[in-house]
Amino acid sequence: EQEMTEDMEVIERSENELELVFKEPSTTFLDPLVSYILKYNEDVLATYSVDHVLVGPARLIIRSKTKPAKEVLISAMEKIMDDLEKMRNEIKSQVK
């Protein structure tokens, strides 16, 4: 099953395997996302690749043995947002 938006194509191979293809070649978002996925999931393979640094596309692949890949992805994104919120609040209170 494939879904496509203007900036991203979703290729769902199975419930536990997901591939996202981003038109932009930037890894600024993908690098921390893969790091968080791997940090909090022992039975998950997550990686990204960029076909060409200047023109893309960038691909994110998630394979999980036990959890749905979509759940793994959403959970990692929520953890990133929580950590950023904590950091923002700390900076707001510490920096004059």
Protein backbone atom coordinates (compact mmCIF):
# COMPACT_ATOMS: atom_id res chain seq x y z
CA GLU A 1 0.00 0.00 0.00
CA GLN A 2 1.38 3.39 -1.01
CA GLU A 3 0.26 6.88 -0.10
CA MET A 4 1.85 10.03 -1.40
CA THR A 5 1.76 13.63 -0.26
CA GLU A 6 3.57 16.56 -1.81
CA ASP A 7 6.69 16.03 0.32
CA MET A 8 6.58 12.36 1.31
CA GLU A 9 5.63 8.95 -0.01
CA VAL A 10 4.61 6.21 2.43
CA ILE A 11 5.40 2.66 1.42
CA GLU A 12 3.92 0.22 3.90
CA ARG A 13 5.33 -3.21 3.23
CA SER A 14 3.65 -4.85 6.23
CA GLU A 15 2.43 -3.89 9.69
CA ASN A 16 5.97 -4.25 11.05
CA GLU A 17 7.84 -2.74 8.11
CA LEU A 18 7.54 0.82 6.87
CA GLU A 19 9.42 2.91 4.34
CA LEU A 20 9.04 6.67 4.01
CA VAL A 21 10.52 8.50 1.02
CA PHE A 22 11.07 12.24 1.47
CA LYS A 23 11.62 14.51 -1.52
CA GLU A 24 14.05 16.68 0.43
CA PRO A 25 17.51 15.13 0.84
CA SER A 26 18.05 16.62 4.32
CA THR A 27 19.07 14.29 7.13
CA THR A 28 18.57 16.96 9.82
CA PHE A 29 15.31 15.33 10.87
CA LEU A 30 16.13 11.72 10.01
CA ASP A 31 19.36 11.41 11.98
CA PRO A 32 17.85 12.14 15.43
CA LEU A 33 14.70 10.20 14.53
CA VAL A 34 16.66 7.02 13.76
CA SER A 35 18.76 7.56 16.91
CA TYR A 36 15.63 7.74 19.07
CA ILE A 37 14.05 4.72 17.39
CA LEU A 38 17.16 2.62 18.04
CA LYS A 39 17.65 3.95 21.59
CA TYR A 40 14.19 2.94 22.79
CA ASN A 41 13.58 -0.26 20.79
CA GLU A 42 15.74 -3.36 21.10
CA ASP A 43 14.04 -5.40 18.40
CA VAL A 44 13.87 -2.73 15.71
CA LEU A 45 16.03 -1.99 12.70
CA ALA A 46 15.88 1.63 11.60
CA THR A 47 18.05 3.30 9.01
CA TYR A 48 17.96 6.05 6.43
CA SER A 49 19.69 6.69 3.15
CA VAL A 50 19.91 9.57 0.73
CA ASP A 51 20.11 8.71 -2.95
CA HIS A 52 21.91 11.97 -3.76
CA VAL A 53 22.89 14.69 -1.27
CA LEU A 54 21.76 17.57 -3.45
CA VAL A 55 18.57 16.24 -4.98
CA GLY A 56 17.41 13.35 -2.76
CA PRO A 57 15.27 11.56 -2.11
CA ALA A 58 15.87 10.53 1.49
CA ARG A 59 14.47 7.18 2.64
CA LEU A 60 13.64 6.04 6.16
CA ILE A 61 13.16 2.30 6.72
CA ILE A 62 11.81 0.78 9.94
CA ARG A 63 11.52 -2.96 10.59
CA SER A 64 10.22 -4.24 13.91
CA LYS A 65 9.95 -7.79 15.22
CA THR A 66 7.15 -7.18 17.72
CA LYS A 67 5.60 -3.70 17.43
CA PRO A 68 3.87 -2.10 14.45
CA ALA A 69 6.36 0.11 12.60
CA LYS A 70 3.95 3.05 12.67
CA GLU A 71 3.78 2.81 16.48
CA VAL A 72 7.59 2.75 16.71
CA LEU A 73 7.83 5.84 14.49
CA ILE A 74 5.14 7.84 16.32
CA SER A 75 6.59 6.94 19.73
CA ALA A 76 10.06 8.14 18.72
CA MET A 77 8.63 11.40 17.38
CA GLU A 78 6.73 11.96 20.64
CA LYS A 79 9.89 11.33 22.69
CA ILE A 80 11.81 13.85 20.59
CA MET A 81 9.07 16.45 21.07
CA ASP A 82 8.96 15.78 24.84
CA ASP A 83 12.73 16.16 25.14
CA LEU A 84 12.67 19.38 23.12
CA GLU A 85 9.87 20.74 25.30
CA LYS A 86 11.86 19.91 28.47
CA MET A 87 14.93 21.60 27.03
CA ARG A 88 12.92 24.65 25.98
CA ASN A 89 11.45 25.01 29.47
CA GLU A 90 14.87 24.61 31.07
CA ILE A 91 16.39 27.26 28.81
CA LYS A 92 13.49 29.62 29.47
CA SER A 93 13.98 29.31 33.23
CA GLN A 94 17.80 29.30 33.26
CA VAL A 95 18.70 31.89 30.63
CA LYS A 96 18.03 35.50 31.60
